């Protein structure tokens, strides 16, 4: 997770209060919205596949709907169980 946070630019505002869900016995905290600008594509490529999926999940919670859509498209086909709440909460 630290590697993912390291490539994310600083947020303009504090993330909106996260909510928690349980996935296979683990608690996952999901921010209601984030305000970080998107990282440079080169920085994203330095992450592992799992780290990229985490990044896409976080940006699927972005305040800008176009940003959310771009990142949601990257995780829709994921088979990782922890991705599901990010997809479900991003859908209208």
PDB file of N, CA and C in Angstrom:
ATOM      1  N   UNK A   1       0.822  -1.193   0.000  1.00  0.00           N
ATOM      2  CA  UNK A   1       0.000   0.000   0.000  1.00  0.00           C
ATOM      3  C   UNK A   1       0.870   1.262   0.000  1.00  0.00           C
ATOM      4  N   UNK A   2       1.990   1.207   0.694  1.00  0.00           N
ATOM      5  CA  UNK A   2       2.872   2.375   0.753  1.00  0.00           C
ATOM      6  C   UNK A   2       3.380   2.758  -0.637  1.00  0.00           C
ATOM      7  N   UNK A   3       3.651   1.764  -1.477  1.00  0.00           N
ATOM      8  CA  UNK A   3       4.116   2.040  -2.843  1.00  0.00           C
ATOM      9  C   UNK A   3       3.047   2.768  -3.646  1.00  0.00           C
ATOM     10  N   UNK A   4       1.804   2.394  -3.431  1.00  0.00           N
ATOM     11  CA  UNK A   4       0.690   3.049  -4.130  1.00  0.00           C
ATOM     12  C   UNK A   4       0.569   4.494  -3.665  1.00  0.00           C
ATOM     13  N   UNK A   5       0.569   4.696  -2.368  1.00  0.00           N
ATOM     14  CA  UNK A   5       0.446   6.052  -1.826  1.00  0.00           C
ATOM     15  C   UNK A   5       1.616   6.931  -2.260  1.00  0.00           C
ATOM     16  N   UNK A   6       2.781   6.324  -2.445  1.00  0.00           N
ATOM     17  CA  UNK A   6       3.971   7.087  -2.835  1.00  0.00           C
ATOM     18  C   UNK A   6       3.846   7.689  -4.237  1.00  0.00           C
ATOM     19  N   UNK A   7       3.086   7.063  -5.134  1.00  0.00           N
ATOM     20  CA  UNK A   7       2.947   7.602  -6.488  1.00  0.00           C
ATOM     21  C   UNK A   7       1.770   8.568  -6.619  1.00  0.00           C
ATOM     22  N   UNK A   8       0.922   8.615  -5.602  1.00  0.00           N
ATOM     23  CA  UNK A   8      -0.235   9.502  -5.651  1.00  0.00           C
ATOM     24  C   UNK A   8       0.171  10.922  -5.247  1.00  0.00           C
ATOM     25  N   UNK A   9      -0.148  11.911  -6.094  1.00  0.00           N
ATOM     26  CA  UNK A   9       0.127  13.293  -5.698  1.00  0.00           C
ATOM     27  C   UNK A   9      -0.645  13.639  -4.422  1.00  0.00           C
ATOM     28  N   UNK A  10      -0.140  14.630  -3.700  1.00  0.00           N
ATOM     29  CA  UNK A  10      -0.825  15.066  -2.495  1.00  0.00           C
ATOM     30  C   UNK A  10      -2.242  15.508  -2.820  1.00  0.00           C
ATOM     31  N   UNK A  11      -3.146  15.258  -1.889  1.00  0.00           N
ATOM     32  CA  UNK A  11      -4.549  15.611  -2.076  1.00  0.00           C
ATOM     33  C   UNK A  11      -4.764  17.106  -1.884  1.00  0.00           C
ATOM     34  N   UNK A  12      -5.688  17.658  -2.667  1.00  0.00           N
ATOM     35  CA  UNK A  12      -6.074  19.057  -2.508  1.00  0.00           C
ATOM     36  C   UNK A  12      -6.880  19.236  -1.227  1.00  0.00           C
ATOM     37  N   UNK A  13      -7.666  18.218  -0.893  1.00  0.00           N
ATOM     38  CA  UNK A  13      -8.507  18.231   0.304  1.00  0.00           C
ATOM     39  C   UNK A  13      -8.390  16.879   0.991  1.00  0.00           C
ATOM     40  N   UNK A  14      -8.787  16.822   2.234  1.00  0.00           N
ATOM     41  CA  UNK A  14      -8.777  15.559   2.973  1.00  0.00           C
ATOM     42  C   UNK A  14      -9.846  14.639   2.389  1.00  0.00           C
ATOM     43  N   UNK A  15      -9.546  13.336   2.259  1.00  0.00           N
ATOM     44  CA  UNK A  15     -10.566  12.407   1.740  1.00  0.00           C
ATOM     45  C   UNK A  15     -11.829  12.451   2.604  1.00  0.00           C
ATOM     46  N   UNK A  16     -12.971  12.273   1.951  1.00  0.00           N
ATOM     47  CA  UNK A  16     -14.238  12.238   2.663  1.00  0.00           C
ATOM     48  C   UNK A  16     -14.278  10.953   3.485  1.00  0.00           C
ATOM     49  N   UNK A  17     -14.876  11.040   4.648  1.00  0.00           N
ATOM     50  CA  UNK A  17     -14.946   9.944   5.616  1.00  0.00           C
ATOM     51  C   UNK A  17     -15.076   8.574   4.949  1.00  0.00           C
ATOM     52  N   UNK A  18     -14.151   7.673   5.247  1.00  0.00           N
ATOM     53  CA  UNK A  18     -14.253   6.321   4.667  1.00  0.00           C
ATOM     54  C   UNK A  18     -15.354   5.507   5.346  1.00  0.00           C
ATOM     55  N   UNK A  19     -15.798   4.491   4.652  1.00  0.00           N
ATOM     56  CA  UNK A  19     -16.713   3.520   5.250  1.00  0.00           C
ATOM     57  C   UNK A  19     -16.029   2.162   5.152  1.00  0.00           C
ATOM     58  N   UNK A  20     -16.433   1.250   6.004  1.00  0.00           N
ATOM     59  CA  UNK A  20     -15.783  -0.061   6.040  1.00  0.00           C
ATOM     60  C   UNK A  20     -16.728  -1.150   5.570  1.00  0.00           C
ATOM     61  N   UNK A  21     -16.148  -2.123   4.878  1.00  0.00           N
ATOM     62  CA  UNK A  21     -16.870  -3.324   4.465  1.00  0.00           C
ATOM     63  C   UNK A  21     -16.013  -4.526   4.831  1.00  0.00           C
ATOM     64  N   UNK A  22     -16.638  -5.655   4.964  1.00  0.00           N
ATOM     65  CA  UNK A  22     -15.890  -6.866   5.262  1.00  0.00           C
ATOM     66  C   UNK A  22     -15.836  -7.730   4.008  1.00  0.00           C
ATOM     67  N   UNK A  23     -14.633  -8.153   3.660  1.00  0.00           N
ATOM     68  CA  UNK A  23     -14.416  -9.001   2.487  1.00  0.00           C
ATOM     69  C   UNK A  23     -13.618 -10.210   2.944  1.00  0.00           C
ATOM     70  N   UNK A  24     -14.239 -11.360   2.887  1.00  0.00           N
ATOM     71  CA  UNK A  24     -13.599 -12.617   3.286  1.00  0.00           C
ATOM     72  C   UNK A  24     -12.931 -12.502   4.656  1.00  0.00           C
ATOM     73  N   UNK A  25     -13.660 -11.913   5.601  1.00  0.00           N
ATOM     74  CA  UNK A  25     -13.164 -11.821   6.967  1.00  0.00           C
ATOM     75  C   UNK A  25     -12.201 -10.674   7.232  1.00  0.00           C
ATOM     76  N   UNK A  26     -11.878  -9.897   6.221  1.00  0.00           N
ATOM     77  CA  UNK A  26     -10.970  -8.753   6.366  1.00  0.00           C
ATOM     78  C   UNK A  26     -11.761  -7.457   6.222  1.00  0.00           C
ATOM     79  N   UNK A  27     -11.401  -6.458   7.001  1.00  0.00           N
ATOM     80  CA  UNK A  27     -12.041  -5.151   6.898  1.00  0.00           C
ATOM     81  C   UNK A  27     -11.312  -4.305   5.859  1.00  0.00           C
ATOM     82  N   UNK A  28     -12.089  -3.755   4.935  1.00  0.00           N
ATOM     83  CA  UNK A  28     -11.550  -2.882   3.897  1.00  0.00           C
ATOM     84  C   UNK A  28     -12.167  -1.496   4.102  1.00  0.00           C
ATOM     85  N   UNK A  29     -11.325  -0.477   4.290  1.00  0.00           N
ATOM     86  CA  UNK A  29     -11.801   0.899   4.434  1.00  0.00           C
ATOM     87  C   UNK A  29     -11.803   1.561   3.058  1.00  0.00           C
ATOM     88  N   UNK A  30     -12.945   2.096   2.676  1.00  0.00           N
ATOM     89  CA  UNK A  30     -13.110   2.690   1.355  1.00  0.00           C
ATOM     90  C   UNK A  30     -13.428   4.171   1.527  1.00  0.00           C
ATOM     91  N   UNK A  31     -12.591   5.048   0.965  1.00  0.00           N
ATOM     92  CA  UNK A  31     -12.911   6.477   1.083  1.00  0.00           C
ATOM     93  C   UNK A  31     -14.155   6.799   0.262  1.00  0.00           C
ATOM     94  N   UNK A  32     -15.014   7.647   0.815  1.00  0.00           N
ATOM     95  CA  UNK A  32     -16.200   8.045   0.052  1.00  0.00           C
ATOM     96  C   UNK A  32     -15.782   8.786  -1.209  1.00  0.00           C
ATOM     97  N   UNK A  33     -14.822   9.689  -1.079  1.00  0.00           N
ATOM     98  CA  UNK A  33     -14.263  10.413  -2.214  1.00  0.00           C
ATOM     99  C   UNK A  33     -12.820  10.791  -1.907  1.00  0.00           C
ATOM    100  N   UNK A  34     -11.990  10.822  -2.974  1.00  0.00           N
ATOM    101  CA  UNK A  34     -10.623  11.335  -2.840  1.00  0.00           C
ATOM    102  C   UNK A  34     -10.478  12.539  -3.770  1.00  0.00           C
ATOM    103  N   UNK A  35      -9.472  13.360  -3.487  1.00  0.00           N
ATOM    104  CA  UNK A  35      -9.283  14.603  -4.226  1.00  0.00           C
ATOM    105  C   UNK A  35      -7.890  14.717  -4.846  1.00  0.00           C
ATOM    106  N   UNK A  36      -7.141  13.629  -4.878  1.00  0.00           N
ATOM    107  CA  UNK A  36      -5.784  13.634  -5.428  1.00  0.00           C
ATOM    108  C   UNK A  36      -5.830  13.730  -6.946  1.00  0.00           C
ATOM    109  N   UNK A  37      -4.888  14.488  -7.511  1.00  0.00           N
ATOM    110  CA  UNK A  37      -4.710  14.475  -8.963  1.00  0.00           C
ATOM    111  C   UNK A  37      -4.227  13.072  -9.341  1.00  0.00           C
ATOM    112  N   UNK A  38      -4.417  12.693 -10.597  1.00  0.00           N
ATOM    113  CA  UNK A  38      -3.948  11.377 -11.038  1.00  0.00           C
ATOM    114  C   UNK A  38      -2.421  11.377 -11.141  1.00  0.00           C
ATOM    115  N   UNK A  39      -1.801  10.240 -10.793  1.00  0.00           N
ATOM    116  CA  UNK A  39      -0.340  10.153 -10.938  1.00  0.00           C
ATOM    117  C   UNK A  39       0.062  10.083 -12.409  1.00  0.00           C
ATOM    118  N   UNK A  40       1.302  10.429 -12.653  1.00  0.00           N
ATOM    119  CA  UNK A  40       1.856  10.329 -14.002  1.00  0.00           C
ATOM    120  C   UNK A  40       1.814   8.864 -14.455  1.00  0.00           C
ATOM    121  N   UNK A  41       1.501   8.608 -15.722  1.00  0.00           N
ATOM    122  CA  UNK A  41       1.461   7.224 -16.217  1.00  0.00           C
ATOM    123  C   UNK A  41       2.761   6.450 -15.967  1.00  0.00           C
ATOM    124  N   UNK A  42       3.903   7.118 -16.088  1.00  0.00           N
ATOM    125  CA  UNK A  42       5.180   6.442 -15.838  1.00  0.00           C
ATOM    126  C   UNK A  42       5.269   5.930 -14.405  1.00  0.00           C
ATOM    127  N   UNK A  43       4.736   6.683 -13.472  1.00  0.00           N
ATOM    128  CA  UNK A  43       4.773   6.271 -12.062  1.00  0.00           C
ATOM    129  C   UNK A  43       3.881   5.050 -11.849  1.00  0.00           C
ATOM    130  N   UNK A  44       2.744   5.019 -12.537  1.00  0.00           N
ATOM    131  CA  UNK A  44       1.822   3.893 -12.397  1.00  0.00           C
ATOM    132  C   UNK A  44       2.464   2.601 -12.909  1.00  0.00           C
ATOM    133  N   UNK A  45       3.243   2.718 -13.980  1.00  0.00           N
ATOM    134  CA  UNK A  45       3.863   1.520 -14.567  1.00  0.00           C
ATOM    135  C   UNK A  45       4.916   0.913 -13.653  1.00  0.00           C
ATOM    136  N   UNK A  46       5.401   1.674 -12.680  1.00  0.00           N
ATOM    137  CA  UNK A  46       6.404   1.145 -11.750  1.00  0.00           C
ATOM    138  C   UNK A  46       5.779   0.235 -10.688  1.00  0.00           C
ATOM    139  N   UNK A  47       4.458   0.187 -10.635  1.00  0.00           N
ATOM    140  CA  UNK A  47       3.765  -0.625  -9.635  1.00  0.00           C
ATOM    141  C   UNK A  47       3.510  -2.041 -10.139  1.00  0.00           C
ATOM    142  N   UNK A  48       3.393  -2.989  -9.213  1.00  0.00           N
ATOM    143  CA  UNK A  48       3.009  -4.356  -9.579  1.00  0.00           C
ATOM    144  C   UNK A  48       1.544  -4.363 -10.010  1.00  0.00           C
ATOM    145  N   UNK A  49       1.073  -5.463 -10.551  1.00  0.00           N
ATOM    146  CA  UNK A  49      -0.336  -5.566 -10.976  1.00  0.00           C
ATOM    147  C   UNK A  49      -1.293  -5.338  -9.805  1.00  0.00           C
ATOM    148  N   UNK A  50      -0.971  -5.951  -8.669  1.00  0.00           N
ATOM    149  CA  UNK A  50      -1.825  -5.784  -7.494  1.00  0.00           C
ATOM    150  C   UNK A  50      -1.817  -4.333  -7.040  1.00  0.00           C
ATOM    151  N   UNK A  51      -0.661  -3.710  -7.027  1.00  0.00           N
ATOM    152  CA  UNK A  51      -0.566  -2.303  -6.633  1.00  0.00           C
ATOM    153  C   UNK A  51      -1.331  -1.409  -7.612  1.00  0.00           C
ATOM    154  N   UNK A  52      -1.269  -1.733  -8.892  1.00  0.00           N
ATOM    155  CA  UNK A  52      -2.031  -0.965  -9.878  1.00  0.00           C
ATOM    156  C   UNK A  52      -3.528  -1.117  -9.629  1.00  0.00           C
ATOM    157  N   UNK A  53      -3.970  -2.323  -9.288  1.00  0.00           N
ATOM    158  CA  UNK A  53      -5.383  -2.547  -8.988  1.00  0.00           C
ATOM    159  C   UNK A  53      -5.812  -1.727  -7.774  1.00  0.00           C
ATOM    160  N   UNK A  54      -4.968  -1.655  -6.760  1.00  0.00           N
ATOM    161  CA  UNK A  54      -5.262  -0.846  -5.576  1.00  0.00           C
ATOM    162  C   UNK A  54      -5.386   0.622  -5.983  1.00  0.00           C
ATOM    163  N   UNK A  55      -4.456   1.083  -6.805  1.00  0.00           N
ATOM    164  CA  UNK A  55      -4.497   2.464  -7.272  1.00  0.00           C
ATOM    165  C   UNK A  55      -5.800   2.743  -8.024  1.00  0.00           C
ATOM    166  N   UNK A  56      -6.177   1.834  -8.920  1.00  0.00           N
ATOM    167  CA  UNK A  56      -7.422   2.008  -9.680  1.00  0.00           C
ATOM    168  C   UNK A  56      -8.631   1.993  -8.747  1.00  0.00           C
ATOM    169  N   UNK A  57      -8.610   1.150  -7.737  1.00  0.00           N
ATOM    170  CA  UNK A  57      -9.714   1.129  -6.771  1.00  0.00           C
ATOM    171  C   UNK A  57      -9.836   2.475  -6.066  1.00  0.00           C
ATOM    172  N   UNK A  58      -8.732   3.019  -5.625  1.00  0.00           N
ATOM    173  CA  UNK A  58      -8.773   4.312  -4.935  1.00  0.00           C
ATOM    174  C   UNK A  58      -9.288   5.412  -5.859  1.00  0.00           C
ATOM    175  N   UNK A  59      -8.818   5.423  -7.103  1.00  0.00           N
ATOM    176  CA  UNK A  59      -9.249   6.469  -8.027  1.00  0.00           C
ATOM    177  C   UNK A  59     -10.671   6.228  -8.545  1.00  0.00           C
ATOM    178  N   UNK A  60     -11.212   5.045  -8.358  1.00  0.00           N
ATOM    179  CA  UNK A  60     -12.630   4.804  -8.655  1.00  0.00           C
ATOM    180  C   UNK A  60     -13.510   5.530  -7.642  1.00  0.00           C
ATOM    181  N   UNK A  61     -12.910   6.104  -6.617  1.00  0.00           N
ATOM    182  CA  UNK A  61     -13.608   6.893  -5.588  1.00  0.00           C
ATOM    183  C   UNK A  61     -13.328   8.391  -5.751  1.00  0.00           C
ATOM    184  N   UNK A  62     -12.751   8.798  -6.869  1.00  0.00           N
ATOM    185  CA  UNK A  62     -12.365  10.198  -7.102  1.00  0.00           C
ATOM    186  C   UNK A  62     -13.596  11.104  -7.190  1.00  0.00           C
ATOM    187  N   UNK A  63     -13.413  12.359  -6.846  1.00  0.00           N
ATOM    188  CA  UNK A  63     -14.493  13.349  -6.905  1.00  0.00           C
ATOM    189  C   UNK A  63     -14.956  13.620  -8.339  1.00  0.00           C
ATOM    190  N   UNK A  64     -14.056  13.479  -9.314  1.00  0.00           N
ATOM    191  CA  UNK A  64     -14.365  13.735 -10.726  1.00  0.00           C
ATOM    192  C   UNK A  64     -14.881  12.443 -11.375  1.00  0.00           C
ATOM    193  N   UNK A  65     -16.086  12.479 -11.891  1.00  0.00           N
ATOM    194  CA  UNK A  65     -16.701  11.297 -12.492  1.00  0.00           C
ATOM    195  C   UNK A  65     -15.929  10.729 -13.667  1.00  0.00           C
ATOM    196  N   UNK A  66     -15.269  11.576 -14.441  1.00  0.00           N
ATOM    197  CA  UNK A  66     -14.472  11.076 -15.581  1.00  0.00           C
ATOM    198  C   UNK A  66     -13.268  10.277 -15.095  1.00  0.00           C
ATOM    199  N   UNK A  67     -12.650  10.747 -14.016  1.00  0.00           N
ATOM    200  CA  UNK A  67     -11.525  10.017 -13.426  1.00  0.00           C
ATOM    201  C   UNK A  67     -12.026   8.686 -12.881  1.00  0.00           C
ATOM    202  N   UNK A  68     -13.143   8.724 -12.149  1.00  0.00           N
ATOM    203  CA  UNK A  68     -13.726   7.481 -11.610  1.00  0.00           C
ATOM    204  C   UNK A  68     -13.971   6.473 -12.729  1.00  0.00           C
ATOM    205  N   UNK A  69     -14.564   6.930 -13.827  1.00  0.00           N
ATOM    206  CA  UNK A  69     -14.891   6.036 -14.941  1.00  0.00           C
ATOM    207  C   UNK A  69     -13.644   5.386 -15.533  1.00  0.00           C
ATOM    208  N   UNK A  70     -12.599   6.172 -15.764  1.00  0.00           N
ATOM    209  CA  UNK A  70     -11.354   5.627 -16.333  1.00  0.00           C
ATOM    210  C   UNK A  70     -10.785   4.517 -15.459  1.00  0.00           C
ATOM    211  N   UNK A  71     -10.776   4.734 -14.173  1.00  0.00           N
ATOM    212  CA  UNK A  71     -10.175   3.758 -13.267  1.00  0.00           C
ATOM    213  C   UNK A  71     -11.115   2.579 -13.013  1.00  0.00           C
ATOM    214  N   UNK A  72     -12.398   2.835 -13.002  1.00  0.00           N
ATOM    215  CA  UNK A  72     -13.368   1.750 -12.854  1.00  0.00           C
ATOM    216  C   UNK A  72     -13.245   0.767 -14.018  1.00  0.00           C
ATOM    217  N   UNK A  73     -13.046   1.279 -15.210  1.00  0.00           N
ATOM    218  CA  UNK A  73     -12.875   0.406 -16.381  1.00  0.00           C
ATOM    219  C   UNK A  73     -11.681  -0.530 -16.214  1.00  0.00           C
ATOM    220  N   UNK A  74     -10.683  -0.113 -15.483  1.00  0.00           N
ATOM    221  CA  UNK A  74      -9.480  -0.930 -15.287  1.00  0.00           C
ATOM    222  C   UNK A  74      -9.691  -2.064 -14.284  1.00  0.00           C
ATOM    223  N   UNK A  75     -10.707  -1.951 -13.427  1.00  0.00           N
ATOM    224  CA  UNK A  75     -10.895  -2.975 -12.384  1.00  0.00           C
ATOM    225  C   UNK A  75     -12.154  -3.816 -12.560  1.00  0.00           C
ATOM    226  N   UNK A  76     -12.982  -3.474 -13.525  1.00  0.00           N
ATOM    227  CA  UNK A  76     -14.261  -4.193 -13.707  1.00  0.00           C
ATOM    228  C   UNK A  76     -14.082  -5.700 -13.887  1.00  0.00           C
ATOM    229  N   UNK A  77     -13.054  -6.119 -14.573  1.00  0.00           N
ATOM    230  CA  UNK A  77     -12.866  -7.540 -14.855  1.00  0.00           C
ATOM    231  C   UNK A  77     -11.996  -8.245 -13.814  1.00  0.00           C
ATOM    232  N   UNK A  78     -11.599  -7.541 -12.774  1.00  0.00           N
ATOM    233  CA  UNK A  78     -10.721  -8.138 -11.770  1.00  0.00           C
ATOM    234  C   UNK A  78     -11.424  -9.264 -11.019  1.00  0.00           C
ATOM    235  N   UNK A  79     -10.679 -10.288 -10.708  1.00  0.00           N
ATOM    236  CA  UNK A  79     -11.229 -11.400  -9.930  1.00  0.00           C
ATOM    237  C   UNK A  79     -10.872 -11.303  -8.453  1.00  0.00           C
ATOM    238  N   UNK A  80     -10.171 -10.225  -8.070  1.00  0.00           N
ATOM    239  CA  UNK A  80      -9.807 -10.025  -6.670  1.00  0.00           C
ATOM    240  C   UNK A  80     -11.058  -9.687  -5.869  1.00  0.00           C
ATOM    241  N   UNK A  81     -11.330 -10.410  -4.799  1.00  0.00           N
ATOM    242  CA  UNK A  81     -12.560 -10.154  -4.033  1.00  0.00           C
ATOM    243  C   UNK A  81     -12.610  -8.769  -3.398  1.00  0.00           C
ATOM    244  N   UNK A  82     -11.466  -8.188  -3.065  1.00  0.00           N
ATOM    245  CA  UNK A  82     -11.454  -6.872  -2.423  1.00  0.00           C
ATOM    246  C   UNK A  82     -11.773  -5.740  -3.393  1.00  0.00           C
ATOM    247  N   UNK A  83     -11.817  -6.025  -4.693  1.00  0.00           N
ATOM    248  CA  UNK A  83     -12.163  -5.015  -5.699  1.00  0.00           C
ATOM    249  C   UNK A  83     -13.680  -4.802  -5.753  1.00  0.00           C
ATOM    250  N   UNK A  84     -14.444  -5.824  -5.451  1.00  0.00           N
ATOM    251  CA  UNK A  84     -15.904  -5.784  -5.600  1.00  0.00           C
ATOM    252  C   UNK A  84     -16.554  -4.574  -4.919  1.00  0.00           C
ATOM    253  N   UNK A  85     -16.254  -4.270  -3.654  1.00  0.00           N
ATOM    254  CA  UNK A  85     -16.922  -3.114  -3.048  1.00  0.00           C
ATOM    255  C   UNK A  85     -16.597  -1.791  -3.736  1.00  0.00           C
ATOM    256  N   UNK A  86     -15.420  -1.669  -4.314  1.00  0.00           N
ATOM    257  CA  UNK A  86     -15.070  -0.448  -5.038  1.00  0.00           C
ATOM    258  C   UNK A  86     -15.897  -0.319  -6.311  1.00  0.00           C
ATOM    259  N   UNK A  87     -16.144  -1.462  -6.972  1.00  0.00           N
ATOM    260  CA  UNK A  87     -16.948  -1.449  -8.207  1.00  0.00           C
ATOM    261  C   UNK A  87     -18.401  -1.162  -7.862  1.00  0.00           C
ATOM    262  N   UNK A  88     -18.940  -1.881  -6.890  1.00  0.00           N
ATOM    263  CA  UNK A  88     -20.350  -1.737  -6.531  1.00  0.00           C
ATOM    264  C   UNK A  88     -20.668  -0.317  -6.078  1.00  0.00           C
ATOM    265  N   UNK A  89     -19.806   0.273  -5.267  1.00  0.00           N
ATOM    266  CA  UNK A  89     -20.081   1.621  -4.760  1.00  0.00           C
ATOM    267  C   UNK A  89     -19.848   2.694  -5.814  1.00  0.00           C
ATOM    268  N   UNK A  90     -19.174   2.367  -6.896  1.00  0.00           N
ATOM    269  CA  UNK A  90     -18.930   3.343  -7.967  1.00  0.00           C
ATOM    270  C   UNK A  90     -20.093   3.391  -8.948  1.00  0.00           C
ATOM    271  N   UNK A  91     -20.899   2.349  -8.968  1.00  0.00           N
ATOM    272  CA  UNK A  91     -22.011   2.289  -9.911  1.00  0.00           C
ATOM    273  C   UNK A  91     -23.152   3.182  -9.423  1.00  0.00           C
ATOM    274  N   UNK A  92     -23.835   3.853 -10.376  1.00  0.00           N
ATOM    275  CA  UNK A  92     -24.948   4.749  -9.975  1.00  0.00           C
ATOM    276  C   UNK A  92     -26.127   3.989  -9.439  1.00  0.00           C
TER     277      UNK A  92
END
